[in-house]
Every structure is written in C-alpha cells, then in structure tokens.
C-alpha cells in the first residue's frame, strides 16, 4: 500500500507541475489566440481530472486486487486513464467541429485585434433601461435616417436627370416635327410649281 501511495504521490506531483507550467492561469488571451487558450483549458481540465482520479485512490478502491497484482493494477489504471483521456478529447473535437468553434475563435480574435485601434470608449450600461435603450437605439436610428436621406437625395438627382432627359427628348422630337413640316411644305410648293410648269407646255383646247 505504501508503494501505491508513493507512486500516486509521484503522479500527483507530476500533474501539479504540469498544471503550474502550462495552466490557463498563466496564459492570457493577449498572448494566445482563443483557440489555443481553449486547448490549454482542456489540457488543464484533463490534468485535474487525472489528479482527481489518482492511482492512489484507484488502488485503495481495489486494495485486495492491488495486494495480489500491483503491476497489473497499475497497467489497468494506465490503460483506463489513457482511454478516458482519448474519449474526452474525441468528444471535445466533435463538439468543436459541430459548433465550428475554430472559425468562431478566429473571428473573435480578429474582432479584438481590430478593436485595439478604436478611439471611442466601449459602451457600458448605466443601469437605467430607458436610457440604455435610448443610447443604443437613437444612434442607430440617426444613422439609418442619414442613410435614407442619402438614398433619397440620390433618387431625386436621378429623377431630375431623367426629367431633363425627357424634356430634351421632347424638344428634339418637336424640332424633328418642325423640320418634317418645313420639308413637306417645301415639297408641296415644288410639286405645285412643277404642275404649273407642265401646264404651260400643254396645247390650248
């Protein structure tokens, strides 16, 4: 039993040391991306899980079997822990894949990186719902109003240009009509002169 305690103590110490070296408490979002930070948190969770189910506790639960087969007990424990870690990691990877967490983490990192250049202070609630709603909605409405005014101005300008184009087209049609009338009158005059000229060559009856 003493050997089991010694081995468990050694495993627990190793887990504590690993947690101190790579635990999430020393890994900030400013140093690692959120995907890396998430992986570090998962690793820390796995270390604490293994530490909670230490070999000492495992051996104490099966102390009779341990006294008979200490090496086999250790082997069974190691296989159990390895399979447990592999199963948990597989489940976490499946959750990350289904939830598209990698892309979401990258998007959050990008948003945070872009926010570093913002000069305006971040919005904070005042504690008064009416004022908070007004402060959040009014700027949006004013921005939307400005956008609508811009669109309206553009449409009015387009309509003005279309109206000018229509008037110009009407003027052109009127000029063409006048030209047609002028030529028609000229042609009628020429035809009349031709008829009178032809009549001069006819013999009198």
N, C-alpha and C. Protein backbone atom coordinates (compact mmCIF):
# COMPACT_ATOMS: atom_id res chain seq x y z
N UNK A 1 0.83 -1.21 0.00
CA UNK A 1 0.00 0.00 0.00
C UNK A 1 0.85 1.24 0.00
N UNK A 2 2.01 1.14 0.70
CA UNK A 2 2.92 2.29 0.74
C UNK A 2 3.48 2.58 -0.63
N UNK A 3 3.75 1.48 -1.39
CA UNK A 3 4.27 1.67 -2.75
C UNK A 3 3.24 2.37 -3.61
N UNK A 4 1.98 1.99 -3.44
CA UNK A 4 0.91 2.64 -4.21
C UNK A 4 0.83 4.10 -3.88
N UNK A 5 0.93 4.44 -2.60
CA UNK A 5 0.88 5.84 -2.18
C UNK A 5 2.03 6.61 -2.76
N UNK A 6 3.22 5.97 -2.79
CA UNK A 6 4.40 6.66 -3.33
C UNK A 6 4.23 6.93 -4.80
N UNK A 7 3.74 5.88 -5.55
CA UNK A 7 3.54 6.06 -6.98
C UNK A 7 2.47 7.09 -7.25
N UNK A 8 1.40 7.08 -6.46
CA UNK A 8 0.33 8.06 -6.66
C UNK A 8 0.81 9.45 -6.34
N UNK A 9 1.61 9.57 -5.29
CA UNK A 9 2.14 10.89 -4.94
C UNK A 9 3.02 11.43 -6.03
N UNK A 10 3.82 10.53 -6.63
CA UNK A 10 4.68 10.96 -7.73
C UNK A 10 3.86 11.43 -8.91
N UNK A 11 2.77 10.66 -9.26
CA UNK A 11 1.90 11.05 -10.38
C UNK A 11 1.21 12.35 -10.09
N UNK A 12 0.74 12.56 -8.85
CA UNK A 12 0.07 13.80 -8.49
C UNK A 12 1.00 14.98 -8.57
N UNK A 13 2.26 14.78 -8.16
CA UNK A 13 3.24 15.86 -8.22
C UNK A 13 3.52 16.24 -9.64
N UNK A 14 3.62 15.20 -10.53
CA UNK A 14 3.87 15.50 -11.94
C UNK A 14 2.71 16.28 -12.52
N UNK A 15 1.46 15.89 -12.17
CA UNK A 15 0.30 16.60 -12.68
C UNK A 15 0.27 18.02 -12.19
N UNK A 16 0.65 18.26 -10.92
CA UNK A 16 0.67 19.62 -10.38
C UNK A 16 1.71 20.46 -11.08
N UNK A 17 2.88 19.84 -11.32
CA UNK A 17 3.93 20.60 -12.00
C UNK A 17 3.51 20.96 -13.40
N UNK A 18 2.86 20.01 -14.09
CA UNK A 18 2.41 20.32 -15.46
C UNK A 18 1.38 21.41 -15.45
N UNK A 19 0.49 21.39 -14.46
CA UNK A 19 -0.52 22.43 -14.38
C UNK A 19 0.08 23.77 -14.11
N UNK A 20 1.15 23.82 -13.30
CA UNK A 20 1.79 25.10 -13.00
C UNK A 20 2.51 25.65 -14.20
N UNK A 21 3.06 24.74 -15.05
CA UNK A 21 3.83 25.20 -16.21
C UNK A 21 2.92 25.62 -17.35
N UNK A 22 1.82 24.90 -17.54
CA UNK A 22 1.02 25.17 -18.73
C UNK A 22 -0.43 25.46 -18.44
N UNK A 23 -0.78 25.78 -17.20
CA UNK A 23 -2.16 26.04 -16.84
C UNK A 23 -2.67 27.31 -17.45
N UNK A 24 -3.98 27.44 -17.63
CA UNK A 24 -4.55 28.62 -18.27
C UNK A 24 -4.39 29.88 -17.45
N UNK A 25 -4.06 29.71 -16.13
CA UNK A 25 -3.93 30.93 -15.33
C UNK A 25 -2.73 31.77 -15.75
N UNK A 26 -1.77 31.14 -16.44
CA UNK A 26 -0.61 31.88 -16.90
C UNK A 26 -0.68 32.18 -18.38
N UNK A 27 -1.78 31.82 -19.03
CA UNK A 27 -1.92 32.03 -20.47
C UNK A 27 -3.03 33.03 -20.69
N UNK A 28 -2.68 34.22 -21.12
CA UNK A 28 -3.67 35.25 -21.35
C UNK A 28 -4.12 35.28 -22.79
N UNK A 29 -5.32 35.86 -23.03
CA UNK A 29 -5.83 35.96 -24.39
C UNK A 29 -4.97 36.88 -25.23
N UNK A 30 -4.21 37.77 -24.56
CA UNK A 30 -3.33 38.65 -25.30
C UNK A 30 -2.11 37.94 -25.84
N UNK A 31 -1.76 36.78 -25.23
CA UNK A 31 -0.59 36.02 -25.66
C UNK A 31 -1.00 34.94 -26.65
N UNK A 32 -2.05 34.21 -26.32
CA UNK A 32 -2.52 33.13 -27.18
C UNK A 32 -3.86 33.50 -27.80
N UNK A 33 -4.11 32.89 -28.94
CA UNK A 33 -5.43 33.05 -29.53
C UNK A 33 -6.45 32.26 -28.73
N UNK A 34 -7.72 32.53 -28.99
CA UNK A 34 -8.75 31.86 -28.22
C UNK A 34 -8.80 30.36 -28.48
N UNK A 35 -8.45 29.95 -29.68
CA UNK A 35 -8.38 28.53 -29.96
C UNK A 35 -7.30 27.85 -29.14
N UNK A 36 -6.12 28.49 -29.05
CA UNK A 36 -5.02 27.95 -28.25
C UNK A 36 -5.36 27.99 -26.76
N UNK A 37 -6.02 29.05 -26.35
CA UNK A 37 -6.41 29.16 -24.95
C UNK A 37 -7.41 28.08 -24.59
N UNK A 38 -8.35 27.81 -25.49
CA UNK A 38 -9.33 26.75 -25.26
C UNK A 38 -8.62 25.40 -25.13
N UNK A 39 -7.64 25.15 -25.99
CA UNK A 39 -6.88 23.89 -25.90
C UNK A 39 -6.14 23.80 -24.58
N UNK A 40 -5.57 24.94 -24.13
CA UNK A 40 -4.86 24.95 -22.84
C UNK A 40 -5.81 24.66 -21.69
N UNK A 41 -7.01 25.21 -21.76
CA UNK A 41 -8.01 24.96 -20.70
C UNK A 41 -8.40 23.49 -20.70
N UNK A 42 -8.57 22.91 -21.88
CA UNK A 42 -8.91 21.48 -21.96
C UNK A 42 -7.80 20.63 -21.37
N UNK A 43 -6.54 20.97 -21.69
CA UNK A 43 -5.41 20.21 -21.13
C UNK A 43 -5.38 20.33 -19.61
N UNK A 44 -5.62 21.54 -19.10
CA UNK A 44 -5.62 21.73 -17.65
C UNK A 44 -6.75 20.92 -17.01
N UNK A 45 -7.91 20.88 -17.67
CA UNK A 45 -9.03 20.09 -17.16
C UNK A 45 -8.67 18.61 -17.12
N UNK A 46 -8.00 18.12 -18.17
CA UNK A 46 -7.61 16.73 -18.21
C UNK A 46 -6.63 16.41 -17.09
N UNK A 47 -5.70 17.31 -16.83
CA UNK A 47 -4.73 17.08 -15.75
C UNK A 47 -5.42 17.02 -14.39
N UNK A 48 -6.36 17.93 -14.18
CA UNK A 48 -7.08 17.93 -12.91
C UNK A 48 -7.97 16.69 -12.78
N UNK A 49 -8.52 16.24 -13.89
CA UNK A 49 -9.35 15.04 -13.86
C UNK A 49 -8.52 13.82 -13.49
N UNK A 50 -7.33 13.72 -14.09
CA UNK A 50 -6.45 12.60 -13.77
C UNK A 50 -5.98 12.69 -12.32
N UNK A 51 -5.70 13.92 -11.88
CA UNK A 51 -5.27 14.09 -10.50
C UNK A 51 -6.37 13.70 -9.52
N UNK A 52 -7.64 14.02 -9.89
CA UNK A 52 -8.76 13.66 -9.01
C UNK A 52 -8.94 12.15 -8.94
N UNK A 53 -8.69 11.47 -10.05
CA UNK A 53 -8.76 10.01 -10.06
C UNK A 53 -7.37 9.41 -10.02
N UNK A 54 -6.60 9.76 -9.02
CA UNK A 54 -5.19 9.34 -8.93
C UNK A 54 -5.07 7.82 -8.75
N UNK A 55 -3.88 7.36 -9.01
CA UNK A 55 -3.61 5.92 -8.86
C UNK A 55 -3.78 5.47 -7.41
N UNK A 56 -3.45 6.35 -6.49
CA UNK A 56 -3.62 6.02 -5.07
C UNK A 56 -5.08 5.72 -4.76
N UNK A 57 -5.98 6.55 -5.24
CA UNK A 57 -7.40 6.31 -4.99
C UNK A 57 -7.88 5.05 -5.72
N UNK A 58 -7.37 4.88 -6.93
CA UNK A 58 -7.76 3.69 -7.69
C UNK A 58 -7.32 2.42 -6.96
N UNK A 59 -6.06 2.42 -6.46
CA UNK A 59 -5.54 1.25 -5.75
C UNK A 59 -6.26 1.03 -4.44
N UNK A 60 -6.65 2.13 -3.77
CA UNK A 60 -7.35 1.97 -2.50
C UNK A 60 -8.75 1.38 -2.71
N UNK A 61 -9.37 1.67 -3.87
CA UNK A 61 -10.68 1.09 -4.15
C UNK A 61 -10.58 -0.41 -4.43
N UNK A 62 -9.45 -0.81 -5.00
CA UNK A 62 -9.24 -2.24 -5.31
C UNK A 62 -8.01 -2.75 -4.57
N UNK A 63 -7.97 -2.48 -3.26
CA UNK A 63 -6.77 -2.76 -2.48
C UNK A 63 -6.46 -4.27 -2.41
N UNK A 64 -7.48 -5.10 -2.39
CA UNK A 64 -7.23 -6.54 -2.35
C UNK A 64 -6.58 -7.02 -3.64
N UNK A 65 -7.13 -6.55 -4.76
CA UNK A 65 -6.56 -6.91 -6.05
C UNK A 65 -5.16 -6.33 -6.19
N UNK A 66 -4.95 -5.11 -5.64
CA UNK A 66 -3.64 -4.47 -5.72
C UNK A 66 -2.59 -5.26 -4.96
N UNK A 67 -2.97 -5.78 -3.79
CA UNK A 67 -2.01 -6.54 -2.99
C UNK A 67 -1.60 -7.81 -3.72
N UNK A 68 -2.52 -8.39 -4.48
CA UNK A 68 -2.21 -9.61 -5.22
C UNK A 68 -1.46 -9.32 -6.53
N UNK A 69 -1.90 -8.27 -7.25
CA UNK A 69 -1.32 -7.98 -8.56
C UNK A 69 -1.04 -6.47 -8.68
N UNK A 70 -0.01 -5.95 -8.03
CA UNK A 70 0.25 -4.50 -8.08
C UNK A 70 0.61 -4.01 -9.49
N UNK A 71 1.42 -4.80 -10.20
CA UNK A 71 1.82 -4.38 -11.54
C UNK A 71 0.62 -4.40 -12.49
N UNK A 72 -0.19 -5.42 -12.39
CA UNK A 72 -1.37 -5.50 -13.24
C UNK A 72 -2.35 -4.39 -12.90
N UNK A 73 -2.44 -4.06 -11.63
CA UNK A 73 -3.32 -2.95 -11.22
C UNK A 73 -2.86 -1.65 -11.85
N UNK A 74 -1.55 -1.43 -11.82
CA UNK A 74 -1.00 -0.22 -12.44
C UNK A 74 -1.26 -0.19 -13.94
N UNK A 75 -1.12 -1.32 -14.58
CA UNK A 75 -1.34 -1.40 -16.02
C UNK A 75 -2.80 -1.10 -16.36
N UNK A 76 -3.70 -1.69 -15.56
CA UNK A 76 -5.13 -1.44 -15.79
C UNK A 76 -5.44 0.04 -15.60
N UNK A 77 -4.87 0.64 -14.57
CA UNK A 77 -5.10 2.07 -14.30
C UNK A 77 -4.59 2.94 -15.46
N UNK A 78 -3.39 2.65 -15.93
CA UNK A 78 -2.82 3.44 -17.03
C UNK A 78 -3.68 3.33 -18.29
N UNK A 79 -4.14 2.10 -18.59
CA UNK A 79 -4.99 1.92 -19.77
C UNK A 79 -6.32 2.66 -19.60
N UNK A 80 -6.88 2.58 -18.41
CA UNK A 80 -8.15 3.27 -18.13
C UNK A 80 -8.01 4.78 -18.32
N UNK A 81 -6.94 5.37 -17.76
CA UNK A 81 -6.72 6.81 -17.87
C UNK A 81 -6.48 7.21 -19.32
N UNK A 82 -5.69 6.41 -20.05
CA UNK A 82 -5.40 6.73 -21.45
C UNK A 82 -6.69 6.71 -22.29
N UNK A 83 -7.51 5.67 -22.08
CA UNK A 83 -8.76 5.57 -22.83
C UNK A 83 -9.73 6.69 -22.45
N UNK A 84 -9.74 7.03 -21.17
CA UNK A 84 -10.61 8.12 -20.71
C UNK A 84 -10.20 9.44 -21.36
N UNK A 85 -8.91 9.74 -21.37
CA UNK A 85 -8.42 10.98 -21.99
C UNK A 85 -8.71 11.00 -23.48
N UNK A 86 -8.48 9.87 -24.15
CA UNK A 86 -8.73 9.81 -25.60
C UNK A 86 -10.22 10.00 -25.89
N UNK A 87 -11.08 9.42 -25.07
CA UNK A 87 -12.52 9.56 -25.29
C UNK A 87 -12.97 11.00 -25.09
N UNK A 88 -12.47 11.64 -24.04
CA UNK A 88 -12.85 13.03 -23.76
C UNK A 88 -12.35 13.95 -24.88
N UNK A 89 -11.11 13.78 -25.30
CA UNK A 89 -10.57 14.61 -26.38
C UNK A 89 -11.34 14.41 -27.68
N UNK A 90 -11.76 13.16 -27.93
CA UNK A 90 -12.53 12.90 -29.14
C UNK A 90 -13.88 13.61 -29.09
N UNK A 91 -14.51 13.59 -27.92
CA UNK A 91 -15.79 14.27 -27.75
C UNK A 91 -15.63 15.78 -27.92
N UNK A 92 -14.56 16.33 -27.36
CA UNK A 92 -14.32 17.77 -27.46
C UNK A 92 -14.06 18.16 -28.92
N UNK A 93 -13.30 17.35 -29.63
CA UNK A 93 -13.05 17.63 -31.05
C UNK A 93 -14.34 17.59 -31.85
N UNK A 94 -15.23 16.66 -31.50
CA UNK A 94 -16.51 16.56 -32.20
C UNK A 94 -17.37 17.79 -31.94
N UNK A 95 -17.35 18.26 -30.68
CA UNK A 95 -18.09 19.48 -30.34
C UNK A 95 -17.52 20.69 -31.08
N UNK A 96 -16.20 20.78 -31.14
CA UNK A 96 -15.56 21.89 -31.85
C UNK A 96 -15.92 21.86 -33.33
N UNK A 97 -15.98 20.66 -33.90
CA UNK A 97 -16.29 20.53 -35.32
C UNK A 97 -17.74 20.90 -35.60
N UNK A 98 -18.67 20.37 -34.77
CA UNK A 98 -20.08 20.65 -34.98
C UNK A 98 -20.41 22.12 -34.74
N UNK A 99 -19.78 22.72 -33.75
CA UNK A 99 -20.04 24.12 -33.44
C UNK A 99 -19.19 25.10 -34.21
N UNK A 100 -18.29 24.57 -35.08
CA UNK A 100 -17.41 25.44 -35.87
C UNK A 100 -16.65 26.41 -34.97
N UNK A 101 -16.14 25.88 -33.85
CA UNK A 101 -15.52 26.73 -32.84
C UNK A 101 -14.23 27.37 -33.33
N UNK A 102 -13.47 26.65 -34.16
CA UNK A 102 -12.20 27.21 -34.62
C UNK A 102 -12.42 28.51 -35.38
N UNK A 103 -13.40 28.50 -36.27
CA UNK A 103 -13.70 29.71 -37.05
C UNK A 103 -14.24 30.82 -36.15
N UNK A 104 -15.06 30.43 -35.17
CA UNK A 104 -15.59 31.43 -34.24
C UNK A 104 -14.47 32.03 -33.40
N UNK A 105 -13.55 31.21 -32.94
CA UNK A 105 -12.41 31.72 -32.16
C UNK A 105 -11.58 32.69 -33.00
N UNK A 106 -11.34 32.32 -34.26
CA UNK A 106 -10.55 33.19 -35.14
C UNK A 106 -11.28 34.52 -35.38
N UNK A 107 -12.61 34.45 -35.52
CA UNK A 107 -13.39 35.68 -35.71
C UNK A 107 -13.31 36.58 -34.49
N UNK A 108 -13.39 35.98 -33.30
CA UNK A 108 -13.29 36.76 -32.07
C UNK A 108 -11.91 37.40 -31.94
N UNK A 109 -10.88 36.64 -32.28
CA UNK A 109 -9.52 37.19 -32.24
C UNK A 109 -9.38 38.38 -33.19
N UNK A 110 -9.99 38.25 -34.36
CA UNK A 110 -9.93 39.34 -35.34
C UNK A 110 -10.67 40.58 -34.84
N UNK A 111 -11.85 40.35 -34.23
CA UNK A 111 -12.62 41.48 -33.70
C UNK A 111 -11.85 42.19 -32.60
N UNK A 112 -11.24 41.41 -31.71
CA UNK A 112 -10.47 42.01 -30.61
C UNK A 112 -9.27 42.77 -31.15
N UNK A 113 -8.63 42.21 -32.18
CA UNK A 113 -7.46 42.88 -32.75
C UNK A 113 -7.85 44.19 -33.41
N UNK A 114 -8.98 44.19 -34.13
CA UNK A 114 -9.45 45.42 -34.76
C UNK A 114 -9.91 46.44 -33.74
N UNK A 115 -10.42 45.97 -32.60
CA UNK A 115 -10.93 46.89 -31.58
C UNK A 115 -9.81 47.65 -30.88
N UNK A 116 -8.57 47.19 -31.02
CA UNK A 116 -7.46 47.89 -30.37
C UNK A 116 -7.26 49.29 -30.92
N UNK A 117 -7.67 49.50 -32.16
CA UNK A 117 -7.49 50.81 -32.80
C UNK A 117 -8.66 51.75 -32.55
N UNK A 118 -9.69 51.29 -31.86
CA UNK A 118 -10.84 52.15 -31.59
C UNK A 118 -10.45 53.24 -30.61
N UNK A 119 -10.87 54.45 -30.94
CA UNK A 119 -10.58 55.59 -30.07
C UNK A 119 -11.70 55.85 -29.07
N UNK A 120 -12.92 55.51 -29.46
CA UNK A 120 -14.06 55.78 -28.59
C UNK A 120 -14.14 54.74 -27.48
N UNK A 121 -14.57 55.15 -26.28
CA UNK A 121 -14.70 54.19 -25.18
C UNK A 121 -15.82 53.20 -25.45
N UNK A 122 -15.66 51.99 -24.93
CA UNK A 122 -16.68 50.96 -25.11
C UNK A 122 -17.95 51.33 -24.35
N UNK A 123 -19.08 50.88 -24.89
CA UNK A 123 -20.36 51.19 -24.27
C UNK A 123 -20.54 50.37 -23.00
N UNK A 124 -21.05 51.01 -21.96
CA UNK A 124 -21.34 50.34 -20.70
C UNK A 124 -22.75 50.71 -20.27
N UNK A 125 -23.53 49.76 -19.75
CA UNK A 125 -24.89 50.08 -19.31
C UNK A 125 -24.88 51.02 -18.11
N UNK A 126 -25.84 51.94 -18.09
CA UNK A 126 -25.93 52.92 -16.99
C UNK A 126 -26.74 52.39 -15.82
N UNK A 127 -27.50 51.32 -16.06
CA UNK A 127 -28.36 50.78 -15.02
C UNK A 127 -29.79 51.24 -15.15
N UNK A 128 -30.04 52.22 -16.05
CA UNK A 128 -31.40 52.70 -16.31
C UNK A 128 -31.81 52.19 -17.68
N UNK A 129 -32.74 51.23 -17.73
CA UNK A 129 -33.07 50.60 -19.03
C UNK A 129 -33.49 51.59 -20.10
N UNK A 130 -34.30 52.63 -19.70
CA UNK A 130 -34.77 53.58 -20.71
C UNK A 130 -33.61 54.31 -21.36
N UNK A 131 -32.67 54.77 -20.54
CA UNK A 131 -31.52 55.49 -21.09
C UNK A 131 -30.62 54.56 -21.90
N UNK A 132 -30.47 53.33 -21.43
CA UNK A 132 -29.63 52.38 -22.16
C UNK A 132 -30.21 52.09 -23.54
N UNK A 133 -31.54 51.88 -23.58
CA UNK A 133 -32.19 51.62 -24.87
C UNK A 133 -32.07 52.83 -25.78
N UNK A 134 -32.30 54.03 -25.19
CA UNK A 134 -32.21 55.26 -25.99
C UNK A 134 -30.80 55.45 -26.53
N UNK A 135 -29.81 55.22 -25.68
CA UNK A 135 -28.43 55.43 -26.12
C UNK A 135 -28.01 54.40 -27.17
N UNK A 136 -28.65 53.23 -27.14
CA UNK A 136 -28.30 52.21 -28.13
C UNK A 136 -29.11 52.35 -29.40
N UNK A 137 -30.39 52.74 -29.28
CA UNK A 137 -31.28 52.77 -30.44
C UNK A 137 -31.17 54.09 -31.21
N UNK A 138 -31.08 55.21 -30.49
CA UNK A 138 -31.07 56.53 -31.15
C UNK A 138 -29.92 56.66 -32.14
N UNK A 139 -28.68 56.32 -31.77
CA UNK A 139 -27.60 56.41 -32.77
C UNK A 139 -27.87 55.57 -34.02
N UNK A 140 -28.45 54.39 -33.80
CA UNK A 140 -28.77 53.54 -34.96
C UNK A 140 -29.83 54.19 -35.83
N UNK A 141 -30.87 54.75 -35.19
CA UNK A 141 -31.93 55.40 -35.96
C UNK A 141 -31.40 56.63 -36.70
N UNK A 142 -30.54 57.41 -36.04
CA UNK A 142 -29.96 58.58 -36.70
C UNK A 142 -29.10 58.16 -37.89
N UNK A 143 -28.34 57.08 -37.70
CA UNK A 143 -27.52 56.58 -38.80
C UNK A 143 -28.40 56.09 -39.94
N UNK A 144 -29.49 55.39 -39.60
CA UNK A 144 -30.41 54.92 -40.63
C UNK A 144 -31.09 56.09 -41.33
N UNK A 145 -31.43 57.13 -40.56
CA UNK A 145 -32.04 58.32 -41.14
C UNK A 145 -31.09 58.99 -42.13
N UNK A 146 -29.83 59.10 -41.72
CA UNK A 146 -28.83 59.69 -42.61
C UNK A 146 -28.69 58.87 -43.90
N UNK A 147 -28.73 57.56 -43.74
CA UNK A 147 -28.63 56.69 -44.92
C UNK A 147 -29.83 56.89 -45.84
N UNK A 148 -31.04 56.96 -45.25
CA UNK A 148 -32.25 57.15 -46.06
C UNK A 148 -32.23 58.51 -46.76
N UNK A 149 -31.75 59.54 -46.05
CA UNK A 149 -31.65 60.86 -46.68
C UNK A 149 -30.68 60.84 -47.85
N UNK A 150 -29.60 60.11 -47.68
CA UNK A 150 -28.63 60.00 -48.76
C UNK A 150 -29.24 59.29 -49.96
N UNK A 151 -29.97 58.18 -49.68
CA UNK A 151 -30.62 57.44 -50.78
C UNK A 151 -31.67 58.31 -51.46
N UNK A 152 -32.45 59.07 -50.65
CA UNK A 152 -33.47 59.95 -51.21
C UNK A 152 -32.85 61.01 -52.10
N UNK A 153 -31.74 61.59 -51.64
CA UNK A 153 -31.06 62.61 -52.43
C UNK A 153 -30.57 62.03 -53.75
N UNK A 154 -30.04 60.81 -53.70
CA UNK A 154 -29.56 60.17 -54.93
C UNK A 154 -30.72 59.89 -55.88
N UNK A 155 -31.85 59.44 -55.34
CA UNK A 155 -33.01 59.17 -56.18
C UNK A 155 -33.56 60.46 -56.79
N UNK A 156 -33.61 61.52 -55.99
CA UNK A 156 -34.07 62.81 -56.52
C UNK A 156 -33.15 63.29 -57.63
N UNK A 157 -31.85 63.10 -57.47
CA UNK A 157 -30.91 63.50 -58.52
C UNK A 157 -31.13 62.67 -59.79
N UNK A 158 -31.36 61.36 -59.59
CA UNK A 158 -31.64 60.51 -60.75
C UNK A 158 -32.93 60.95 -61.45
N UNK A 159 -33.97 61.26 -60.67
CA UNK A 159 -35.23 61.70 -61.26
C UNK A 159 -35.07 63.03 -62.00
N UNK A 160 -34.25 63.92 -61.44
CA UNK A 160 -34.01 65.21 -62.10
C UNK A 160 -33.33 64.99 -63.45
N UNK A 161 -32.33 64.11 -63.47
CA UNK A 161 -31.63 63.84 -64.72
C UNK A 161 -32.56 63.17 -65.73
N UNK A 162 -33.43 62.27 -65.23
CA UNK A 162 -34.39 61.63 -66.14
C UNK A 162 -35.38 62.65 -66.69
N UNK A 163 -35.82 63.58 -65.84
CA UNK A 163 -36.76 64.61 -66.30
C UNK A 163 -36.09 65.49 -67.35
N UNK A 164 -34.85 65.87 -67.12
CA UNK A 164 -34.12 66.67 -68.11
C UNK A 164 -33.96 65.90 -69.41
N UNK A 165 -33.70 64.60 -69.28
CA UNK A 165 -33.55 63.79 -70.48
C UNK A 165 -34.87 63.71 -71.26
N UNK A 166 -35.99 63.57 -70.52
CA UNK A 166 -37.30 63.53 -71.18
C UNK A 166 -37.61 64.85 -71.88
N UNK A 167 -37.34 65.98 -71.20
CA UNK A 167 -37.58 67.29 -71.81
C UNK A 167 -36.71 67.49 -73.04
N UNK A 168 -35.45 67.06 -72.91
CA UNK A 168 -34.56 67.19 -74.07
C UNK A 168 -35.08 66.34 -75.23
N UNK A 169 -35.59 65.14 -74.91
CA UNK A 169 -36.14 64.29 -75.95
C UNK A 169 -37.37 64.92 -76.60
N UNK A 170 -38.22 65.56 -75.79
CA UNK A 170 -39.40 66.23 -76.33
C UNK A 170 -39.00 67.38 -77.25
N UNK A 171 -38.00 68.15 -76.83
CA UNK A 171 -37.52 69.26 -77.67
C UNK A 171 -36.98 68.73 -79.00
N UNK A 172 -36.26 67.62 -78.92
CA UNK A 172 -35.71 67.05 -80.14
C UNK A 172 -36.82 66.56 -81.07
N UNK A 173 -37.85 65.95 -80.46
CA UNK A 173 -38.99 65.48 -81.27
C UNK A 173 -39.71 66.67 -81.91
N UNK A 174 -39.88 67.76 -81.13
CA UNK A 174 -40.55 68.95 -81.67
C UNK A 174 -39.75 69.54 -82.83
N UNK A 175 -38.44 69.58 -82.71
CA UNK A 175 -37.59 70.10 -83.78
C UNK A 175 -37.68 69.22 -85.01
N UNK A 176 -37.68 67.90 -84.80
CA UNK A 176 -37.81 66.99 -85.94
C UNK A 176 -39.17 67.16 -86.62
N UNK A 177 -40.22 67.34 -85.82
CA UNK A 177 -41.55 67.53 -86.39
C UNK A 177 -41.62 68.81 -87.20
N UNK A 178 -41.00 69.86 -86.66
CA UNK A 178 -40.97 71.14 -87.38
C UNK A 178 -40.18 71.00 -88.68
N UNK A 179 -39.08 70.27 -88.64
CA UNK A 179 -38.28 70.06 -89.84
C UNK A 179 -39.06 69.28 -90.88
N UNK A 180 -39.79 68.28 -90.40
CA UNK A 180 -40.60 67.48 -91.32
C UNK A 180 -41.68 68.35 -91.97
N UNK A 181 -42.35 69.20 -91.16
CA UNK A 181 -43.39 70.07 -91.70
C UNK A 181 -42.80 71.04 -92.73
N UNK A 182 -41.63 71.57 -92.41
CA UNK A 182 -40.98 72.52 -93.33
C UNK A 182 -40.66 71.84 -94.66
N UNK A 183 -40.12 70.66 -94.60
CA UNK A 183 -39.76 69.95 -95.84
C UNK A 183 -41.02 69.53 -96.61
N UNK A 184 -42.04 69.16 -95.86
CA UNK A 184 -43.28 68.77 -96.53
C UNK A 184 -43.88 69.97 -97.28
N UNK A 185 -43.85 71.13 -96.61
CA UNK A 185 -44.36 72.34 -97.28
C UNK A 185 -43.51 72.70 -98.49
N UNK A 186 -42.19 72.56 -98.33
CA UNK A 186 -41.31 72.86 -99.47
C UNK A 186 -41.57 71.90 -100.62
N UNK A 187 -41.80 70.64 -100.29
CA UNK A 187 -42.08 69.65 -101.33
C UNK A 187 -43.41 69.94 -102.02
N UNK A 188 -44.39 70.35 -101.25
CA UNK A 188 -45.69 70.70 -101.84
C UNK A 188 -45.54 71.91 -102.77
N UNK A 189 -44.73 72.88 -102.34
CA UNK A 189 -44.53 74.07 -103.18
C UNK A 189 -43.84 73.70 -104.49
N UNK A 190 -42.83 72.81 -104.37
CA UNK A 190 -42.10 72.39 -105.57
C UNK A 190 -43.04 71.62 -106.50
N UNK A 191 -43.87 70.78 -105.94
CA UNK A 191 -44.81 70.00 -106.75
C UNK A 191 -45.79 70.92 -107.47
N UNK A 192 -46.24 71.98 -106.80
CA UNK A 192 -47.17 72.91 -107.41
C UNK A 192 -46.52 73.64 -108.58
N UNK A 193 -45.25 74.06 -108.37
CA UNK A 193 -44.53 74.76 -109.44
C UNK A 193 -44.32 73.84 -110.64
N UNK A 194 -44.03 72.55 -110.34
CA UNK A 194 -43.83 71.59 -111.43
C UNK A 194 -45.12 71.42 -112.23
N UNK A 195 -46.24 71.33 -111.52
CA UNK A 195 -47.51 71.15 -112.22
C UNK A 195 -47.82 72.38 -113.10
N UNK A 196 -47.57 73.58 -112.55
CA UNK A 196 -47.83 74.80 -113.33
C UNK A 196 -46.89 74.89 -114.53
N UNK A 197 -45.64 74.46 -114.32
CA UNK A 197 -44.69 74.50 -115.42
C UNK A 197 -45.08 73.52 -116.53
N UNK A 198 -45.58 72.35 -116.16
CA UNK A 198 -46.02 71.34 -117.13
C UNK A 198 -47.24 71.86 -117.90
N UNK A 199 -48.11 72.58 -117.21
CA UNK A 199 -49.34 73.09 -117.86
C UNK A 199 -49.00 74.10 -118.95
N UNK A 200 -47.90 74.77 -118.83
CA UNK A 200 -47.53 75.76 -119.84
C UNK A 200 -47.18 75.12 -121.19
N UNK A 201 -46.82 73.84 -121.17
CA UNK A 201 -46.45 73.16 -122.41
C UNK A 201 -47.64 72.45 -123.06
N UNK A 202 -48.76 72.45 -122.40
CA UNK A 202 -49.94 71.82 -123.00
C UNK A 202 -50.55 72.74 -124.04
N UNK A 203 -51.11 72.15 -125.12
CA UNK A 203 -51.75 72.94 -126.17
C UNK A 203 -53.09 73.45 -125.67
N UNK A 204 -53.40 74.64 -126.07
CA UNK A 204 -54.70 75.15 -125.63
C UNK A 204 -55.83 74.43 -126.36
N UNK A 205 -56.89 74.17 -125.69
CA UNK A 205 -58.02 73.45 -126.27
C UNK A 205 -59.00 74.41 -126.90
